[in-house]
Amino acid sequence: MIIVPVPLADGRSYDVIVGDGAVHELGTLIPAKAKRAAIVTQDSIPLSVETGIEQRVFTIGEGEAHKSLATIETLCRGFAEWGMTRNDVVVGVGGGLVTDVAGFAASVYHRGIDAVYVSTTLLGQIDAAIGGKTGVNLPEGKNLVGAFWQPAGVICDTATLATLPEREYRSGLGELAKYHFLGGGRLDAEEPPERVAACVRIKADVVAADEREGGRRAILNYGHTLAHALEIQGGFDLRHGEAVAVGVIYAGEVAHRLGRIDDAHLAEHRRVVAEYGLVDHVPADADEVLALFSRDKKALDGVTMVLDGPNGVETVVNPDPTVLRDAFEAMR
């Protein structure tokens, strides 16, 4: 097994355990004080877990429509009816939607109880389950209601990746493409455990330096400004990682037009996305999508994008709207 620590202040550091069969290490991450574990999962998740304590399964719906405040209420009422206390633990078993929802429910039940994640998708293992960002959607935007709530530990069992439908796995590759530009290098050459661990190390380093996204952590949203807008505009027809792949190329196009990167670096954006067999064009019209940029959760005043440049990936506030449109049209 590969153990990647996420170093945080105030004794809140935790481990991410990566490798084939890592789920068998789950019991080592359950807090000693916990007497009950609420297993939050979905019917489609083909993985059962054993926590070593009394446990009960709480199943949530499939799809982004169930990443909602209504789901949080249903879970918390279920926890209360079962008699869970603030000493107990929520265990999210599934992909990014499950861990986002399970973590947010844990953050608000009794004003916060422990959470542990067993991530079963590539996207979840390299991104969603790491770093403590939880939340749900509103009709007005993605992940607009949530909390920073760090888990007590994370399991990334890479054996589960072989069970994923092809499209779900490719969605994870879209998020993996992002890490190429955050210092990951040629991740396409690595085996799954090393590939996942490399991404976890990058994210752990960024989260340790900026836990609550006051600055540097925003770079983890590379490609996400367009991605979130495409997801909302298309009614989530695109999976998150598919949208991120499009957003990564779009961020490259914008940065190139602003003179931040050269032709070769823009070509590298397209090479990485093509290497993973992902969509490289925008499946939507400009007006509605560009209007959604200002609703993105990292937007503070107008449009905030994460762009590559001479100093690496960083945030850029209110880039020229003409450039944003021209870059969009170049990808049609």
C-alpha atoms as a PDB file:
ATOM      1  CA  MET A   1       0.000   0.000   0.000  1.00  0.00           C
ATOM      2  CA  ILE A   2       1.014   3.604  -0.615  1.00  0.00           C
ATOM      3  CA  ILE A   3       0.224   5.956   2.280  1.00  0.00           C
ATOM      4  CA  VAL A   4       0.044   9.667   1.452  1.00  0.00           C
ATOM      5  CA  PRO A   5      -0.347  12.004   4.450  1.00  0.00           C
ATOM      6  CA  VAL A   6      -2.420  15.173   4.196  1.00  0.00           C
ATOM      7  CA  PRO A   7      -0.662  17.440   6.732  1.00  0.00           C
ATOM      8  CA  LEU A   8      -3.011  19.905   8.416  1.00  0.00           C
ATOM      9  CA  ALA A   9      -2.811  22.115  11.488  1.00  0.00           C
ATOM     10  CA  ASP A  10      -4.345  21.455  14.912  1.00  0.00           C
ATOM     11  CA  GLY A  11      -3.902  17.695  14.847  1.00  0.00           C
ATOM     12  CA  ARG A  12      -6.304  17.200  11.927  1.00  0.00           C
ATOM     13  CA  SER A  13      -3.823  15.532   9.566  1.00  0.00           C
ATOM     14  CA  TYR A  14      -4.983  12.282   7.988  1.00  0.00           C
ATOM     15  CA  ASP A  15      -3.778   9.507   5.705  1.00  0.00           C
ATOM     16  CA  VAL A  16      -4.854   8.511   2.233  1.00  0.00           C
ATOM     17  CA  ILE A  17      -4.258   4.787   1.664  1.00  0.00           C
ATOM     18  CA  VAL A  18      -3.788   3.900  -2.014  1.00  0.00           C
ATOM     19  CA  GLY A  19      -3.485   0.482  -3.643  1.00  0.00           C
ATOM     20  CA  ASP A  20      -5.242  -2.653  -4.847  1.00  0.00           C
ATOM     21  CA  GLY A  21      -7.202  -4.060  -1.892  1.00  0.00           C
ATOM     22  CA  ALA A  22      -6.861  -0.895   0.197  1.00  0.00           C
ATOM     23  CA  VAL A  23     -10.491  -1.249   1.328  1.00  0.00           C
ATOM     24  CA  HIS A  24      -9.316  -3.919   3.783  1.00  0.00           C
ATOM     25  CA  GLU A  25      -7.497  -1.139   5.674  1.00  0.00           C
ATOM     26  CA  LEU A  26     -10.733   0.751   6.375  1.00  0.00           C
ATOM     27  CA  GLY A  27     -10.908  -0.326  10.003  1.00  0.00           C
ATOM     28  CA  THR A  28      -7.590   1.402  10.725  1.00  0.00           C
ATOM     29  CA  LEU A  29      -9.120   4.764   9.796  1.00  0.00           C
ATOM     30  CA  ILE A  30     -12.311   4.533  11.888  1.00  0.00           C
ATOM     31  CA  PRO A  31     -11.972   6.849  14.927  1.00  0.00           C
ATOM     32  CA  ALA A  32     -11.616   4.894  18.167  1.00  0.00           C
ATOM     33  CA  LYS A  33     -14.495   6.772  19.812  1.00  0.00           C
ATOM     34  CA  ALA A  34     -17.020   5.737  17.144  1.00  0.00           C
ATOM     35  CA  LYS A  35     -19.644   3.155  18.092  1.00  0.00           C
ATOM     36  CA  ARG A  36     -21.747   3.400  14.919  1.00  0.00           C
ATOM     37  CA  ALA A  37     -20.895   3.953  11.243  1.00  0.00           C
ATOM     38  CA  ALA A  38     -23.430   5.289   8.752  1.00  0.00           C
ATOM     39  CA  ILE A  39     -22.459   3.904   5.329  1.00  0.00           C
ATOM     40  CA  VAL A  40     -23.603   6.412   2.687  1.00  0.00           C
ATOM     41  CA  THR A  41     -23.555   4.855  -0.778  1.00  0.00           C
ATOM     42  CA  GLN A  42     -25.591   4.175  -3.938  1.00  0.00           C
ATOM     43  CA  ASP A  43     -27.244   1.030  -5.289  1.00  0.00           C
ATOM     44  CA  SER A  44     -24.828   1.012  -8.234  1.00  0.00           C
ATOM     45  CA  ILE A  45     -21.690   0.806  -6.048  1.00  0.00           C
ATOM     46  CA  PRO A  46     -20.520  -2.855  -6.159  1.00  0.00           C
ATOM     47  CA  LEU A  47     -18.463  -2.636  -2.979  1.00  0.00           C
ATOM     48  CA  SER A  48     -19.420  -3.678   0.549  1.00  0.00           C
ATOM     49  CA  VAL A  49     -17.315  -2.497   3.472  1.00  0.00           C
ATOM     50  CA  GLU A  50     -16.701  -3.603   7.034  1.00  0.00           C
ATOM     51  CA  THR A  51     -15.920  -0.958   9.640  1.00  0.00           C
ATOM     52  CA  GLY A  52     -15.510  -3.235  12.648  1.00  0.00           C
ATOM     53  CA  ILE A  53     -18.323  -1.471  14.514  1.00  0.00           C
ATOM     54  CA  GLU A  54     -22.125  -1.418  14.271  1.00  0.00           C
ATOM     55  CA  GLN A  55     -23.039  -0.096  10.828  1.00  0.00           C
ATOM     56  CA  ARG A  56     -26.108   0.741   8.775  1.00  0.00           C
ATOM     57  CA  VAL A  57     -26.368   1.530   5.051  1.00  0.00           C
ATOM     58  CA  PHE A  58     -28.009   4.764   3.858  1.00  0.00           C
ATOM     59  CA  THR A  59     -28.560   4.763   0.093  1.00  0.00           C
ATOM     60  CA  ILE A  60     -28.800   7.988  -1.913  1.00  0.00           C
ATOM     61  CA  GLY A  61     -30.043   8.493  -5.469  1.00  0.00           C
ATOM     62  CA  GLU A  62     -28.027   8.427  -8.678  1.00  0.00           C
ATOM     63  CA  GLY A  63     -27.125  11.535 -10.651  1.00  0.00           C
ATOM     64  CA  GLU A  64     -26.586  15.231  -9.976  1.00  0.00           C
ATOM     65  CA  ALA A  65     -30.283  15.796  -9.259  1.00  0.00           C
ATOM     66  CA  HIS A  66     -29.714  13.966  -5.952  1.00  0.00           C
ATOM     67  CA  LYS A  67     -26.727  16.108  -4.995  1.00  0.00           C
ATOM     68  CA  SER A  68     -29.118  18.409  -3.193  1.00  0.00           C
ATOM     69  CA  LEU A  69     -30.179  19.888   0.119  1.00  0.00           C
ATOM     70  CA  ALA A  70     -33.151  17.512   0.089  1.00  0.00           C
ATOM     71  CA  THR A  71     -30.733  14.555   0.154  1.00  0.00           C
ATOM     72  CA  ILE A  72     -28.846  16.107   3.069  1.00  0.00           C
ATOM     73  CA  GLU A  73     -32.086  16.465   5.033  1.00  0.00           C
ATOM     74  CA  THR A  74     -33.047  12.857   4.327  1.00  0.00           C
ATOM     75  CA  LEU A  75     -29.659  11.583   5.483  1.00  0.00           C
ATOM     76  CA  CYS A  76     -29.560  13.666   8.664  1.00  0.00           C
ATOM     77  CA  ARG A  77     -33.072  12.602   9.617  1.00  0.00           C
ATOM     78  CA  GLY A  78     -32.037   9.002   9.081  1.00  0.00           C
ATOM     79  CA  PHE A  79     -28.977   9.499  11.281  1.00  0.00           C
ATOM     80  CA  ALA A  80     -31.161  11.003  14.006  1.00  0.00           C
ATOM     81  CA  GLU A  81     -33.761   8.227  13.837  1.00  0.00           C
ATOM     82  CA  TRP A  82     -30.957   5.666  14.229  1.00  0.00           C
ATOM     83  CA  GLY A  83     -29.661   7.562  17.263  1.00  0.00           C
ATOM     84  CA  MET A  84     -26.257   8.593  15.938  1.00  0.00           C
ATOM     85  CA  THR A  85     -24.271  10.876  18.224  1.00  0.00           C
ATOM     86  CA  ARG A  86     -21.427  13.307  17.587  1.00  0.00           C
ATOM     87  CA  ASN A  87     -18.977  10.516  18.511  1.00  0.00           C
ATOM     88  CA  ASP A  88     -20.064   8.359  15.567  1.00  0.00           C
ATOM     89  CA  VAL A  89     -18.803   8.362  11.980  1.00  0.00           C
ATOM     90  CA  VAL A  90     -20.137   8.714   8.435  1.00  0.00           C
ATOM     91  CA  VAL A  91     -18.440   6.522   5.817  1.00  0.00           C
ATOM     92  CA  GLY A  92     -18.965   7.608   2.208  1.00  0.00           C
ATOM     93  CA  VAL A  93     -18.525   4.725  -0.246  1.00  0.00           C
ATOM     94  CA  GLY A  94     -18.631   5.705  -3.897  1.00  0.00           C
ATOM     95  CA  GLY A  95     -17.572   8.391  -6.325  1.00  0.00           C
ATOM     96  CA  GLY A  96     -17.286  12.132  -5.961  1.00  0.00           C
ATOM     97  CA  LEU A  97     -21.019  12.717  -5.668  1.00  0.00           C
ATOM     98  CA  VAL A  98     -21.237  10.293  -2.737  1.00  0.00           C
ATOM     99  CA  THR A  99     -18.246  11.676  -0.844  1.00  0.00           C
ATOM    100  CA  ASP A 100     -19.370  15.277  -1.421  1.00  0.00           C
ATOM    101  CA  VAL A 101     -22.825  14.494  -0.052  1.00  0.00           C
ATOM    102  CA  ALA A 102     -21.661  12.227   2.776  1.00  0.00           C
ATOM    103  CA  GLY A 103     -19.047  14.760   3.862  1.00  0.00           C
ATOM    104  CA  PHE A 104     -21.502  17.651   3.860  1.00  0.00           C
ATOM    105  CA  ALA A 105     -24.027  15.632   5.859  1.00  0.00           C
ATOM    106  CA  ALA A 106     -21.279  14.795   8.367  1.00  0.00           C
ATOM    107  CA  SER A 107     -20.258  18.466   8.583  1.00  0.00           C
ATOM    108  CA  VAL A 108     -23.737  19.642   9.596  1.00  0.00           C
ATOM    109  CA  TYR A 109     -25.115  16.710  11.631  1.00  0.00           C
ATOM    110  CA  HIS A 110     -24.668  17.610  15.324  1.00  0.00           C
ATOM    111  CA  ARG A 111     -22.599  20.552  13.958  1.00  0.00           C
ATOM    112  CA  GLY A 112     -19.987  18.138  12.690  1.00  0.00           C
ATOM    113  CA  ILE A 113     -19.074  14.456  13.119  1.00  0.00           C
ATOM    114  CA  ASP A 114     -16.190  12.433  11.675  1.00  0.00           C
ATOM    115  CA  ALA A 115     -16.223  11.245   8.067  1.00  0.00           C
ATOM    116  CA  VAL A 116     -14.160   8.598   6.291  1.00  0.00           C
ATOM    117  CA  TYR A 117     -14.255   8.028   2.532  1.00  0.00           C
ATOM    118  CA  VAL A 118     -13.863   4.888   0.459  1.00  0.00           C
ATOM    119  CA  SER A 119     -13.483   6.314  -3.026  1.00  0.00           C
ATOM    120  CA  THR A 120     -14.412   3.937  -5.847  1.00  0.00           C
ATOM    121  CA  THR A 121     -13.874   6.054  -8.986  1.00  0.00           C
ATOM    122  CA  LEU A 122     -10.772   7.498 -10.619  1.00  0.00           C
ATOM    123  CA  LEU A 123     -12.149  11.021 -10.400  1.00  0.00           C
ATOM    124  CA  GLY A 124     -12.918  10.585  -6.722  1.00  0.00           C
ATOM    125  CA  GLN A 125      -9.575   9.023  -5.854  1.00  0.00           C
ATOM    126  CA  ILE A 126      -7.450  11.717  -7.483  1.00  0.00           C
ATOM    127  CA  ASP A 127      -9.587  14.703  -6.576  1.00  0.00           C
ATOM    128  CA  ALA A 128     -13.047  14.715  -5.028  1.00  0.00           C
ATOM    129  CA  ALA A 129     -12.322  12.619  -1.921  1.00  0.00           C
ATOM    130  CA  ILE A 130      -9.179  14.560  -0.984  1.00  0.00           C
ATOM    131  CA  GLY A 131      -8.991  17.967   0.647  1.00  0.00           C
ATOM    132  CA  GLY A 132     -12.165  18.447   2.642  1.00  0.00           C
ATOM    133  CA  LYS A 133     -14.407  20.305   0.203  1.00  0.00           C
ATOM    134  CA  THR A 134     -17.988  19.066   0.503  1.00  0.00           C
ATOM    135  CA  GLY A 135     -21.229  20.369  -0.908  1.00  0.00           C
ATOM    136  CA  VAL A 136     -24.350  20.106  -2.990  1.00  0.00           C
ATOM    137  CA  ASN A 137     -25.821  21.902  -5.987  1.00  0.00           C
ATOM    138  CA  LEU A 138     -28.513  24.531  -6.368  1.00  0.00           C
ATOM    139  CA  PRO A 139     -30.484  25.090  -9.582  1.00  0.00           C
ATOM    140  CA  GLU A 140     -28.413  28.274  -9.938  1.00  0.00           C
ATOM    141  CA  GLY A 141     -25.030  26.552  -9.853  1.00  0.00           C
ATOM    142  CA  LYS A 142     -22.827  23.601  -8.964  1.00  0.00           C
ATOM    143  CA  ASN A 143     -21.515  23.123  -5.402  1.00  0.00           C
ATOM    144  CA  LEU A 144     -22.860  26.482  -4.227  1.00  0.00           C
ATOM    145  CA  VAL A 145     -23.799  25.167  -0.762  1.00  0.00           C
ATOM    146  CA  GLY A 146     -21.220  23.282   1.252  1.00  0.00           C
ATOM    147  CA  ALA A 147     -18.507  23.289   3.878  1.00  0.00           C
ATOM    148  CA  PHE A 148     -14.820  22.641   4.350  1.00  0.00           C
ATOM    149  CA  TRP A 149     -14.837  19.437   6.396  1.00  0.00           C
ATOM    150  CA  GLN A 150     -11.713  17.300   6.404  1.00  0.00           C
ATOM    151  CA  PRO A 151     -12.185  13.524   6.616  1.00  0.00           C
ATOM    152  CA  ALA A 152     -10.502  11.358   9.236  1.00  0.00           C
ATOM    153  CA  GLY A 153      -9.022   9.260   6.437  1.00  0.00           C
ATOM    154  CA  VAL A 154      -9.481   8.181   2.819  1.00  0.00           C
ATOM    155  CA  ILE A 155      -9.251   4.787   1.105  1.00  0.00           C
ATOM    156  CA  CYS A 156      -8.412   4.695  -2.615  1.00  0.00           C
ATOM    157  CA  ASP A 157      -8.742   1.049  -3.605  1.00  0.00           C
ATOM    158  CA  THR A 158      -7.395   1.055  -7.151  1.00  0.00           C
ATOM    159  CA  ALA A 159      -8.779  -2.459  -7.764  1.00  0.00           C
ATOM    160  CA  THR A 160     -12.242  -0.867  -8.004  1.00  0.00           C
ATOM    161  CA  LEU A 161     -11.167   1.069 -11.103  1.00  0.00           C
ATOM    162  CA  ALA A 162     -11.339  -2.127 -13.177  1.00  0.00           C
ATOM    163  CA  THR A 163     -15.081  -2.375 -12.394  1.00  0.00           C
ATOM    164  CA  LEU A 164     -15.969   1.076 -13.723  1.00  0.00           C
ATOM    165  CA  PRO A 165     -17.983   1.581 -16.907  1.00  0.00           C
ATOM    166  CA  GLU A 166     -15.764   2.944 -19.669  1.00  0.00           C
ATOM    167  CA  ARG A 167     -17.356   6.402 -19.634  1.00  0.00           C
ATOM    168  CA  GLU A 168     -16.988   6.723 -15.870  1.00  0.00           C
ATOM    169  CA  TYR A 169     -13.302   5.827 -16.089  1.00  0.00           C
ATOM    170  CA  ARG A 170     -12.741   8.306 -18.936  1.00  0.00           C
ATOM    171  CA  SER A 171     -14.398  10.981 -16.823  1.00  0.00           C
ATOM    172  CA  GLY A 172     -11.652  10.443 -14.259  1.00  0.00           C
ATOM    173  CA  LEU A 173      -9.049  10.828 -16.984  1.00  0.00           C
ATOM    174  CA  GLY A 174     -10.379  14.345 -17.591  1.00  0.00           C
ATOM    175  CA  GLU A 175      -9.495  15.302 -14.025  1.00  0.00           C
ATOM    176  CA  LEU A 176      -6.182  13.478 -14.416  1.00  0.00           C
ATOM    177  CA  ALA A 177      -5.407  15.669 -17.453  1.00  0.00           C
ATOM    178  CA  LYS A 178      -5.580  18.693 -15.150  1.00  0.00           C
ATOM    179  CA  TYR A 179      -2.776  17.355 -12.960  1.00  0.00           C
ATOM    180  CA  HIS A 180      -0.383  17.270 -15.921  1.00  0.00           C
ATOM    181  CA  PHE A 181      -0.309  21.067 -15.658  1.00  0.00           C
ATOM    182  CA  LEU A 182      -0.048  21.181 -11.867  1.00  0.00           C
ATOM    183  CA  GLY A 183       3.317  19.422 -11.737  1.00  0.00           C
ATOM    184  CA  GLY A 184       2.261  15.844 -12.417  1.00  0.00           C
ATOM    185  CA  GLY A 185       4.254  15.369 -15.621  1.00  0.00           C
ATOM    186  CA  ARG A 186       3.666  12.279 -17.791  1.00  0.00           C
ATOM    187  CA  LEU A 187       1.053  10.612 -15.614  1.00  0.00           C
ATOM    188  CA  ASP A 188      -0.166   8.624 -18.623  1.00  0.00           C
ATOM    189  CA  ALA A 189       2.978   6.469 -18.266  1.00  0.00           C
ATOM    190  CA  GLU A 190       2.255   5.356 -14.667  1.00  0.00           C
ATOM    191  CA  GLU A 191       0.403   2.304 -13.324  1.00  0.00           C
ATOM    192  CA  PRO A 192      -2.925   3.053 -11.543  1.00  0.00           C
ATOM    193  CA  PRO A 193      -1.684   3.046  -7.898  1.00  0.00           C
ATOM    194  CA  GLU A 194       1.300   5.290  -8.689  1.00  0.00           C
ATOM    195  CA  ARG A 195      -0.851   7.511 -10.902  1.00  0.00           C
ATOM    196  CA  VAL A 196      -3.436   7.993  -8.161  1.00  0.00           C
ATOM    197  CA  ALA A 197      -0.798   8.518  -5.452  1.00  0.00           C
ATOM    198  CA  ALA A 198       1.005  11.152  -7.567  1.00  0.00           C
ATOM    199  CA  CYS A 199      -2.203  13.177  -7.887  1.00  0.00           C
ATOM    200  CA  VAL A 200      -2.995  12.779  -4.184  1.00  0.00           C
ATOM    201  CA  ARG A 201       0.476  14.102  -3.290  1.00  0.00           C
ATOM    202  CA  ILE A 202      -0.044  17.181  -5.468  1.00  0.00           C
ATOM    203  CA  LYS A 203      -3.441  17.873  -3.961  1.00  0.00           C
ATOM    204  CA  ALA A 204      -2.249  17.205  -0.398  1.00  0.00           C
ATOM    205  CA  ASP A 205       0.589  19.702  -0.854  1.00  0.00           C
ATOM    206  CA  VAL A 206      -1.774  22.380  -2.155  1.00  0.00           C
ATOM    207  CA  VAL A 207      -4.409  21.746   0.533  1.00  0.00           C
ATOM    208  CA  ALA A 208      -1.804  21.863   3.320  1.00  0.00           C
ATOM    209  CA  ALA A 209      -0.693  25.297   2.120  1.00  0.00           C
ATOM    210  CA  ASP A 210      -4.211  26.698   1.569  1.00  0.00           C
ATOM    211  CA  GLU A 211      -6.884  24.589   3.226  1.00  0.00           C
ATOM    212  CA  ARG A 212      -9.817  26.961   2.734  1.00  0.00           C
ATOM    213  CA  GLU A 213      -9.059  28.173  -0.803  1.00  0.00           C
ATOM    214  CA  GLY A 214      -7.876  31.633   0.162  1.00  0.00           C
ATOM    215  CA  GLY A 215      -5.235  31.647  -2.552  1.00  0.00           C
ATOM    216  CA  ARG A 216      -3.150  28.839  -4.006  1.00  0.00           C
ATOM    217  CA  ARG A 217      -5.801  26.123  -3.680  1.00  0.00           C
ATOM    218  CA  ALA A 218      -7.739  27.747  -6.515  1.00  0.00           C
ATOM    219  CA  ILE A 219      -5.234  26.206  -8.948  1.00  0.00           C
ATOM    220  CA  LEU A 220      -6.960  22.867  -8.345  1.00  0.00           C
ATOM    221  CA  ASN A 221      -9.868  24.334 -10.312  1.00  0.00           C
ATOM    222  CA  TYR A 222      -7.813  24.404 -13.512  1.00  0.00           C
ATOM    223  CA  GLY A 223     -10.254  23.869 -16.369  1.00  0.00           C
ATOM    224  CA  HIS A 224     -13.278  24.090 -14.074  1.00  0.00           C
ATOM    225  CA  THR A 225     -14.678  27.517 -15.009  1.00  0.00           C
ATOM    226  CA  LEU A 226     -15.882  26.292 -18.382  1.00  0.00           C
ATOM    227  CA  ALA A 227     -16.457  22.766 -17.067  1.00  0.00           C
ATOM    228  CA  HIS A 228     -19.010  23.789 -14.452  1.00  0.00           C
ATOM    229  CA  ALA A 229     -20.786  26.076 -16.943  1.00  0.00           C
ATOM    230  CA  LEU A 230     -21.021  23.267 -19.508  1.00  0.00           C
ATOM    231  CA  GLU A 231     -22.395  20.872 -16.897  1.00  0.00           C
ATOM    232  CA  ILE A 232     -25.117  23.297 -15.849  1.00  0.00           C
ATOM    233  CA  GLN A 233     -25.982  24.500 -19.349  1.00  0.00           C
ATOM    234  CA  GLY A 234     -26.262  20.958 -20.663  1.00  0.00           C
ATOM    235  CA  GLY A 235     -28.277  19.623 -17.745  1.00  0.00           C
ATOM    236  CA  PHE A 236     -25.284  17.467 -16.752  1.00  0.00           C
ATOM    237  CA  ASP A 237     -25.274  15.517 -20.021  1.00  0.00           C
ATOM    238  CA  LEU A 238     -21.475  15.761 -19.782  1.00  0.00           C
ATOM    239  CA  ARG A 239     -19.817  13.977 -16.882  1.00  0.00           C
ATOM    240  CA  HIS A 240     -17.632  16.189 -14.714  1.00  0.00           C
ATOM    241  CA  GLY A 241     -14.294  14.877 -15.977  1.00  0.00           C
ATOM    242  CA  GLU A 242     -15.416  15.110 -19.586  1.00  0.00           C
ATOM    243  CA  ALA A 243     -16.285  18.748 -19.016  1.00  0.00           C
ATOM    244  CA  VAL A 244     -12.963  19.375 -17.234  1.00  0.00           C
ATOM    245  CA  ALA A 245     -11.063  18.040 -20.263  1.00  0.00           C
ATOM    246  CA  VAL A 246     -12.823  20.591 -22.470  1.00  0.00           C
ATOM    247  CA  GLY A 247     -12.176  23.250 -19.837  1.00  0.00           C
ATOM    248  CA  VAL A 248      -8.450  22.469 -19.698  1.00  0.00           C
ATOM    249  CA  ILE A 249      -8.068  23.075 -23.429  1.00  0.00           C
ATOM    250  CA  TYR A 250     -10.207  26.203 -23.155  1.00  0.00           C
ATOM    251  CA  ALA A 251      -7.996  27.531 -20.357  1.00  0.00           C
ATOM    252  CA  GLY A 252      -5.025  26.922 -22.643  1.00  0.00           C
ATOM    253  CA  GLU A 253      -6.698  28.814 -25.493  1.00  0.00           C
ATOM    254  CA  VAL A 254      -7.458  31.773 -23.218  1.00  0.00           C
ATOM    255  CA  ALA A 255      -3.923  31.818 -21.786  1.00  0.00           C
ATOM    256  CA  HIS A 256      -2.443  31.664 -25.301  1.00  0.00           C
ATOM    257  CA  ARG A 257      -4.535  34.594 -26.486  1.00  0.00           C
ATOM    258  CA  LEU A 258      -3.449  36.592 -23.441  1.00  0.00           C
ATOM    259  CA  GLY A 259       0.200  35.890 -24.263  1.00  0.00           C
ATOM    260  CA  ARG A 260       0.705  33.792 -21.133  1.00  0.00           C
ATOM    261  CA  ILE A 261       1.766  30.575 -22.916  1.00  0.00           C
ATOM    262  CA  ASP A 262       3.358  29.842 -26.302  1.00  0.00           C
ATOM    263  CA  ASP A 263       2.205  27.677 -29.215  1.00  0.00           C
ATOM    264  CA  ALA A 264       4.024  24.586 -27.933  1.00  0.00           C
ATOM    265  CA  HIS A 265       2.428  24.755 -24.495  1.00  0.00           C
ATOM    266  CA  LEU A 266      -1.024  25.198 -26.018  1.00  0.00           C
ATOM    267  CA  ALA A 267      -0.356  22.154 -28.208  1.00  0.00           C
ATOM    268  CA  GLU A 268       0.560  20.200 -25.059  1.00  0.00           C
ATOM    269  CA  HIS A 269      -2.927  20.883 -23.670  1.00  0.00           C
ATOM    270  CA  ARG A 270      -4.471  19.299 -26.750  1.00  0.00           C
ATOM    271  CA  ARG A 271      -1.975  16.409 -26.730  1.00  0.00           C
ATOM    272  CA  VAL A 272      -2.775  15.424 -23.150  1.00  0.00           C
ATOM    273  CA  VAL A 273      -6.539  15.468 -23.693  1.00  0.00           C
ATOM    274  CA  ALA A 274      -6.194  13.532 -26.975  1.00  0.00           C
ATOM    275  CA  GLU A 275      -3.959  10.968 -25.236  1.00  0.00           C
ATOM    276  CA  TYR A 276      -6.873  10.077 -22.973  1.00  0.00           C
ATOM    277  CA  GLY A 277      -9.441   9.984 -25.794  1.00  0.00           C
ATOM    278  CA  LEU A 278     -11.504  12.835 -24.365  1.00  0.00           C
ATOM    279  CA  VAL A 279     -13.737  15.475 -25.939  1.00  0.00           C
ATOM    280  CA  ASP A 280     -11.759  18.500 -27.152  1.00  0.00           C
ATOM    281  CA  HIS A 281     -14.517  20.850 -28.361  1.00  0.00           C
ATOM    282  CA  VAL A 282     -17.369  22.792 -26.782  1.00  0.00           C
ATOM    283  CA  PRO A 283     -20.801  21.198 -27.302  1.00  0.00           C
ATOM    284  CA  ALA A 284     -22.748  24.426 -26.675  1.00  0.00           C
ATOM    285  CA  ASP A 285     -23.340  27.997 -27.825  1.00  0.00           C
ATOM    286  CA  ALA A 286     -21.360  30.842 -26.298  1.00  0.00           C
ATOM    287  CA  ASP A 287     -23.856  33.284 -24.766  1.00  0.00           C
ATOM    288  CA  GLU A 288     -25.507  31.102 -22.152  1.00  0.00           C
ATOM    289  CA  VAL A 289     -22.274  29.347 -21.182  1.00  0.00           C
ATOM    290  CA  LEU A 290     -20.181  32.515 -20.820  1.00  0.00           C
ATOM    291  CA  ALA A 291     -22.921  34.123 -18.726  1.00  0.00           C
ATOM    292  CA  LEU A 292     -22.530  31.290 -16.203  1.00  0.00           C
ATOM    293  CA  PHE A 293     -18.855  32.105 -15.570  1.00  0.00           C
ATOM    294  CA  SER A 294     -19.709  34.792 -13.023  1.00  0.00           C
ATOM    295  CA  ARG A 295     -21.733  32.242 -11.003  1.00  0.00           C
ATOM    296  CA  ASP A 296     -18.771  29.923 -10.580  1.00  0.00           C
ATOM    297  CA  LYS A 297     -18.021  29.407  -6.890  1.00  0.00           C
ATOM    298  CA  LYS A 298     -14.475  30.794  -7.148  1.00  0.00           C
ATOM    299  CA  ALA A 299     -15.721  34.045  -8.740  1.00  0.00           C
ATOM    300  CA  LEU A 300     -15.309  36.940  -6.313  1.00  0.00           C
ATOM    301  CA  ASP A 301     -15.944  39.967  -8.517  1.00  0.00           C
ATOM    302  CA  GLY A 302     -16.932  39.188 -12.078  1.00  0.00           C
ATOM    303  CA  VAL A 303     -15.130  36.285 -13.778  1.00  0.00           C
ATOM    304  CA  THR A 304     -12.205  34.508 -12.091  1.00  0.00           C
ATOM    305  CA  MET A 305     -10.269  31.966 -14.144  1.00  0.00           C
ATOM    306  CA  VAL A 306      -7.321  29.702 -13.404  1.00  0.00           C
ATOM    307  CA  LEU A 307      -4.771  30.053 -16.205  1.00  0.00           C
ATOM    308  CA  ASP A 308      -1.309  28.753 -17.004  1.00  0.00           C
ATOM    309  CA  GLY A 309       1.490  31.239 -17.529  1.00  0.00           C
ATOM    310  CA  PRO A 310       5.160  32.069 -17.015  1.00  0.00           C
ATOM    311  CA  ASN A 311       4.791  31.608 -13.229  1.00  0.00           C
ATOM    312  CA  GLY A 312       2.768  28.420 -13.570  1.00  0.00           C
ATOM    313  CA  VAL A 313      -0.962  28.002 -12.993  1.00  0.00           C
ATOM    314  CA  GLU A 314      -2.565  30.925 -11.128  1.00  0.00           C
ATOM    315  CA  THR A 315      -5.832  32.844 -10.833  1.00  0.00           C
ATOM    316  CA  VAL A 316      -6.628  35.679 -13.236  1.00  0.00           C
ATOM    317  CA  VAL A 317      -9.496  38.051 -12.461  1.00  0.00           C
ATOM    318  CA  ASN A 318     -11.745  39.455 -15.199  1.00  0.00           C
ATOM    319  CA  PRO A 319      -9.871  38.467 -18.363  1.00  0.00           C
ATOM    320  CA  ASP A 320     -10.917  40.352 -21.502  1.00  0.00           C
ATOM    321  CA  PRO A 321     -14.458  39.190 -22.463  1.00  0.00           C
ATOM    322  CA  THR A 322     -13.505  39.336 -26.147  1.00  0.00           C
ATOM    323  CA  VAL A 323     -10.693  36.875 -25.476  1.00  0.00           C
ATOM    324  CA  LEU A 324     -13.079  34.561 -23.630  1.00  0.00           C
ATOM    325  CA  ARG A 325     -15.465  34.538 -26.585  1.00  0.00           C
ATOM    326  CA  ASP A 326     -12.735  34.143 -29.210  1.00  0.00           C
ATOM    327  CA  ALA A 327     -11.252  31.197 -27.315  1.00  0.00           C
ATOM    328  CA  PHE A 328     -14.697  29.628 -27.061  1.00  0.00           C
ATOM    329  CA  GLU A 329     -15.364  29.987 -30.771  1.00  0.00           C
ATOM    330  CA  ALA A 330     -11.951  28.473 -31.576  1.00  0.00           C
ATOM    331  CA  MET A 331     -13.095  25.245 -29.924  1.00  0.00           C
ATOM    332  CA  ARG A 332     -16.402  24.851 -31.735  1.00  0.00           C
END
